[in-house]
Amino acid sequence: MIKTVIFDMDGLMFDTERLASEAWIGVGKRHGLPITEQLMNRMKGLKLEDCVCIFREELGEDFDYWTLRKERTEYINHWIQEYGMPIKPGLKELLAWLKEHDYPIALATSTHSQKASHYLELAGVSGYFQYRVFGDMVQNGKPDPEIFLRAIKETETAAQQCLVLEDSYAGVEAGWRAGCQVIMVPDSLQPTERERGRIAACVKTLHEVILWLERDRTKLCS
């Protein structure tokens, strides 16, 4: 039976992966750089440092990442300021259900702590997360399992009793390598045969995670 639920953040809780892709592609168009959706998909779920390496691998070592990232960040901040934090369907309902049923709730995101904490506050969900592991708290990013292993340790839950919720291939692999059960809630990328062999379920929205957990709770009673 699942005792603890561990959330990814970008692309899973918030529609920020789409925003980041739009922003980077816009930066590419303004500066004549081949920043494509395919390039952005390579970076989904990865740590910031790994994303920098991919950009320079694809666009050259002289790619001025930090200057152009500032332009991207300004676009995202302006969008969120105008429209609010884009929350994925079912997030608040799932968090409320987990709290009602006394599940410890953890966050394991590749995003650095300052930015991630700000997003949680903007979305009004910060209070749900008793445990938090951010990208700047680990040495190895997803698909390495380090971030989930640290979350498991902090929650004092056996790995097989932890449910990881992920949208990215790297996140699915990391959760699987950590020994957790994994549910994939796809964002822009659908699971391949590789992911389907590593997940307990693939669902369209976070609403469906409640149904999965209700079935999991029923198994204990049967």
Protein backbone atom coordinates (compact mmCIF):
# COMPACT_ATOMS: atom_id res chain seq x y z
CA MET A 1 0.00 0.00 0.00
CA ILE A 2 1.21 3.50 -0.81
CA LYS A 3 2.03 5.58 2.26
CA THR A 4 3.76 8.66 0.78
CA VAL A 5 3.26 10.60 -2.46
CA ILE A 6 6.15 12.45 -4.10
CA PHE A 7 5.41 15.14 -6.67
CA ASP A 8 7.50 16.51 -9.49
CA MET A 9 6.68 20.17 -10.18
CA ASP A 10 7.16 21.66 -13.68
CA GLY A 11 4.94 19.98 -16.25
CA LEU A 12 3.26 17.90 -13.54
CA MET A 13 1.81 20.42 -11.08
CA PHE A 14 2.19 23.57 -13.17
CA ASP A 15 2.05 24.15 -16.93
CA THR A 16 5.44 25.83 -16.77
CA GLU A 17 7.23 23.44 -19.16
CA ARG A 18 5.04 24.76 -21.98
CA LEU A 19 5.73 28.33 -20.92
CA ALA A 20 9.48 27.73 -20.84
CA SER A 21 9.43 26.11 -24.29
CA GLU A 22 7.43 28.99 -25.76
CA ALA A 23 9.80 31.50 -24.18
CA TRP A 24 12.99 29.78 -25.40
CA ILE A 25 11.64 29.30 -28.92
CA GLY A 26 10.74 33.00 -28.97
CA VAL A 27 14.26 33.89 -27.84
CA GLY A 28 15.62 31.72 -30.65
CA LYS A 29 13.51 33.48 -33.28
CA ARG A 30 14.57 36.92 -32.08
CA HIS A 31 18.25 36.01 -32.13
CA GLY A 32 18.31 33.75 -35.18
CA LEU A 33 19.01 30.59 -33.18
CA PRO A 34 17.61 27.11 -33.97
CA ILE A 35 15.87 26.58 -30.62
CA THR A 36 13.16 24.03 -31.41
CA GLU A 37 10.50 22.03 -29.60
CA GLN A 38 12.66 18.94 -30.12
CA LEU A 39 15.57 20.64 -28.36
CA MET A 40 13.32 21.69 -25.48
CA ASN A 41 11.99 18.13 -25.12
CA ARG A 42 15.54 16.88 -24.54
CA MET A 43 15.70 18.95 -21.36
CA LYS A 44 12.40 18.10 -19.72
CA GLY A 45 12.90 17.03 -16.12
CA LEU A 46 16.64 17.74 -16.08
CA LYS A 47 18.66 19.90 -13.70
CA LEU A 48 19.58 23.44 -14.74
CA GLU A 49 23.25 22.52 -15.13
CA ASP A 50 22.39 19.63 -17.46
CA CYS A 51 20.18 21.93 -19.56
CA VAL A 52 23.08 24.38 -19.97
CA CYS A 53 25.24 21.52 -21.26
CA ILE A 54 22.59 20.46 -23.79
CA PHE A 55 22.17 24.02 -25.10
CA ARG A 56 25.93 24.35 -25.63
CA GLU A 57 26.16 20.89 -27.14
CA GLU A 58 23.47 21.80 -29.68
CA LEU A 59 24.21 25.50 -30.26
CA GLY A 60 27.94 25.77 -29.59
CA GLU A 61 30.16 26.51 -26.63
CA ASP A 62 29.84 30.26 -27.19
CA PHE A 63 26.05 30.14 -26.70
CA ASP A 64 25.35 32.98 -24.26
CA TYR A 65 23.04 30.94 -22.05
CA TRP A 66 22.75 33.21 -19.03
CA THR A 67 22.03 36.40 -20.99
CA LEU A 68 19.37 34.71 -23.10
CA ARG A 69 17.93 32.89 -20.10
CA LYS A 70 17.27 36.27 -18.51
CA GLU A 71 15.19 37.20 -21.58
CA ARG A 72 13.32 33.90 -21.30
CA THR A 73 12.69 34.45 -17.58
CA GLU A 74 11.29 37.92 -18.20
CA TYR A 75 8.75 36.45 -20.64
CA ILE A 76 7.67 33.78 -18.12
CA ASN A 77 7.43 36.25 -15.24
CA HIS A 78 5.36 38.66 -17.31
CA TRP A 79 3.02 35.84 -18.38
CA ILE A 80 2.51 34.62 -14.80
CA GLN A 81 2.02 38.18 -13.55
CA GLU A 82 -0.71 38.73 -16.15
CA TYR A 83 -2.46 35.35 -16.09
CA GLY A 84 -1.44 33.72 -12.78
CA MET A 85 0.32 30.44 -12.11
CA PRO A 86 -0.91 27.87 -14.66
CA ILE A 87 -2.05 25.01 -12.43
CA LYS A 88 -2.58 21.57 -13.94
CA PRO A 89 -6.10 20.07 -13.74
CA GLY A 90 -6.74 18.11 -10.57
CA LEU A 91 -3.75 19.37 -8.58
CA LYS A 92 -5.62 21.08 -5.77
CA GLU A 93 -8.22 18.33 -5.58
CA LEU A 94 -5.50 15.68 -5.30
CA LEU A 95 -3.57 17.60 -2.65
CA ALA A 96 -6.73 18.13 -0.60
CA TRP A 97 -7.61 14.42 -0.89
CA LEU A 98 -4.11 13.38 0.20
CA LYS A 99 -4.25 15.71 3.18
CA GLU A 100 -7.72 14.45 4.16
CA HIS A 101 -6.42 10.87 4.10
CA ASP A 102 -3.21 11.68 6.01
CA TYR A 103 -0.66 10.92 3.29
CA PRO A 104 2.72 12.58 3.77
CA ILE A 105 3.33 14.75 0.69
CA ALA A 106 6.79 15.45 -0.70
CA LEU A 107 8.19 17.54 -3.54
CA ALA A 108 11.18 16.40 -5.60
CA THR A 109 11.85 18.93 -8.35
CA SER A 110 14.86 19.70 -10.51
CA THR A 111 14.02 23.38 -10.15
CA HIS A 112 16.17 25.34 -7.71
CA SER A 113 14.76 26.13 -4.27
CA GLN A 114 14.15 29.88 -4.57
CA LYS A 115 12.20 29.63 -7.81
CA ALA A 116 10.29 26.50 -6.83
CA SER A 117 9.28 27.91 -3.45
CA HIS A 118 8.04 31.07 -5.17
CA TYR A 119 5.92 29.01 -7.56
CA LEU A 120 4.39 27.02 -4.71
CA GLU A 121 3.42 30.24 -2.94
CA LEU A 122 1.96 31.78 -6.09
CA ALA A 123 -0.14 28.67 -6.67
CA GLY A 124 -1.37 28.61 -3.05
CA VAL A 125 -0.20 25.03 -2.45
CA SER A 126 2.97 25.54 -0.42
CA GLY A 127 1.38 24.39 2.85
CA TYR A 128 0.66 20.90 1.55
CA PHE A 129 4.30 19.85 1.21
CA GLN A 130 5.87 18.64 4.44
CA TYR A 131 9.03 17.51 2.63
CA ARG A 132 10.89 19.29 -0.18
CA VAL A 133 13.95 18.37 -2.21
CA PHE A 134 15.10 20.88 -4.83
CA GLY A 135 17.53 20.65 -7.71
CA ASP A 136 20.18 22.67 -5.89
CA MET A 137 20.10 20.20 -2.98
CA VAL A 138 21.45 17.23 -4.97
CA GLN A 139 24.58 16.59 -7.01
CA ASN A 140 23.02 14.39 -9.67
CA GLY A 141 19.88 15.36 -11.55
CA LYS A 142 17.20 13.11 -12.98
CA PRO A 143 17.34 10.45 -14.46
CA ASP A 144 19.71 9.73 -11.58
CA PRO A 145 17.55 8.60 -8.63
CA GLU A 146 19.36 10.78 -6.05
CA ILE A 147 16.57 13.33 -5.64
CA PHE A 148 13.96 10.64 -4.97
CA LEU A 149 16.25 8.66 -2.69
CA ARG A 150 16.71 11.80 -0.62
CA ALA A 151 12.93 12.38 -0.50
CA ILE A 152 12.42 8.76 0.56
CA LYS A 153 14.97 9.16 3.34
CA GLU A 154 13.40 12.39 4.59
CA THR A 155 9.90 10.91 4.68
CA GLU A 156 11.16 7.74 6.38
CA THR A 157 9.06 5.63 4.03
CA ALA A 158 10.11 2.41 2.29
CA ALA A 159 10.73 3.06 -1.41
CA GLN A 160 8.11 0.55 -2.56
CA GLN A 161 5.52 2.41 -0.45
CA CYS A 162 6.25 5.73 -2.17
CA LEU A 163 4.30 6.86 -5.21
CA VAL A 164 6.15 9.19 -7.57
CA LEU A 165 4.11 11.43 -9.88
CA GLU A 166 6.03 12.47 -13.00
CA ASP A 167 5.51 13.83 -16.48
CA SER A 168 9.00 13.47 -18.00
CA TYR A 169 11.01 10.50 -19.22
CA ALA A 170 13.93 11.47 -16.98
CA GLY A 171 11.63 11.69 -13.97
CA VAL A 172 10.00 8.33 -14.65
CA GLU A 173 13.40 6.68 -14.91
CA ALA A 174 14.62 8.36 -11.72
CA GLY A 175 11.56 7.27 -9.74
CA TRP A 176 11.80 3.73 -11.09
CA ARG A 177 15.53 3.51 -10.30
CA ALA A 178 14.78 4.70 -6.75
CA GLY A 179 12.50 1.69 -6.30
CA CYS A 180 9.25 3.67 -6.09
CA GLN A 181 5.97 3.07 -7.82
CA VAL A 182 5.55 5.66 -10.57
CA ILE A 183 2.49 7.15 -12.24
CA MET A 184 3.14 9.15 -15.38
CA VAL A 185 0.89 12.11 -16.11
CA PRO A 186 2.13 13.12 -19.58
CA ASP A 187 2.64 16.77 -20.42
CA SER A 188 3.99 17.17 -23.96
CA LEU A 189 5.57 13.70 -24.24
CA GLN A 190 3.61 10.45 -24.22
CA PRO A 191 5.19 7.35 -22.67
CA THR A 192 7.18 5.08 -24.95
CA GLU A 193 7.41 1.32 -24.49
CA ARG A 194 10.37 1.97 -22.19
CA GLU A 195 8.33 4.13 -19.80
CA ARG A 196 5.32 1.83 -19.91
CA GLY A 197 7.54 -0.96 -18.61
CA ARG A 198 8.49 1.17 -15.59
CA ILE A 199 5.22 2.75 -14.46
CA ALA A 200 2.26 1.53 -12.44
CA ALA A 201 -0.12 3.62 -14.54
CA CYS A 202 -0.36 6.40 -17.10
CA VAL A 203 -3.21 8.85 -16.51
CA LYS A 204 -4.44 11.93 -18.33
CA THR A 205 -4.81 14.23 -15.31
CA LEU A 206 -4.05 14.36 -11.60
CA HIS A 207 -7.76 13.74 -10.93
CA GLU A 208 -7.20 10.12 -11.96
CA VAL A 209 -4.45 9.65 -9.37
CA ILE A 210 -7.16 9.85 -6.69
CA LEU A 211 -8.99 6.92 -8.31
CA TRP A 212 -5.74 4.92 -8.48
CA LEU A 213 -5.01 5.56 -4.81
CA GLU A 214 -8.56 4.65 -3.81
CA ARG A 215 -8.08 1.28 -5.53
CA ASP A 216 -4.72 0.92 -3.78
CA ARG A 217 -6.39 1.52 -0.40
CA THR A 218 -9.10 -1.04 -1.25
CA LYS A 219 -6.49 -3.74 -1.88
CA LEU A 220 -5.39 -3.51 1.75
CA CYS A 221 -8.92 -4.16 2.96
CA SER A 222 -9.67 -7.05 0.58
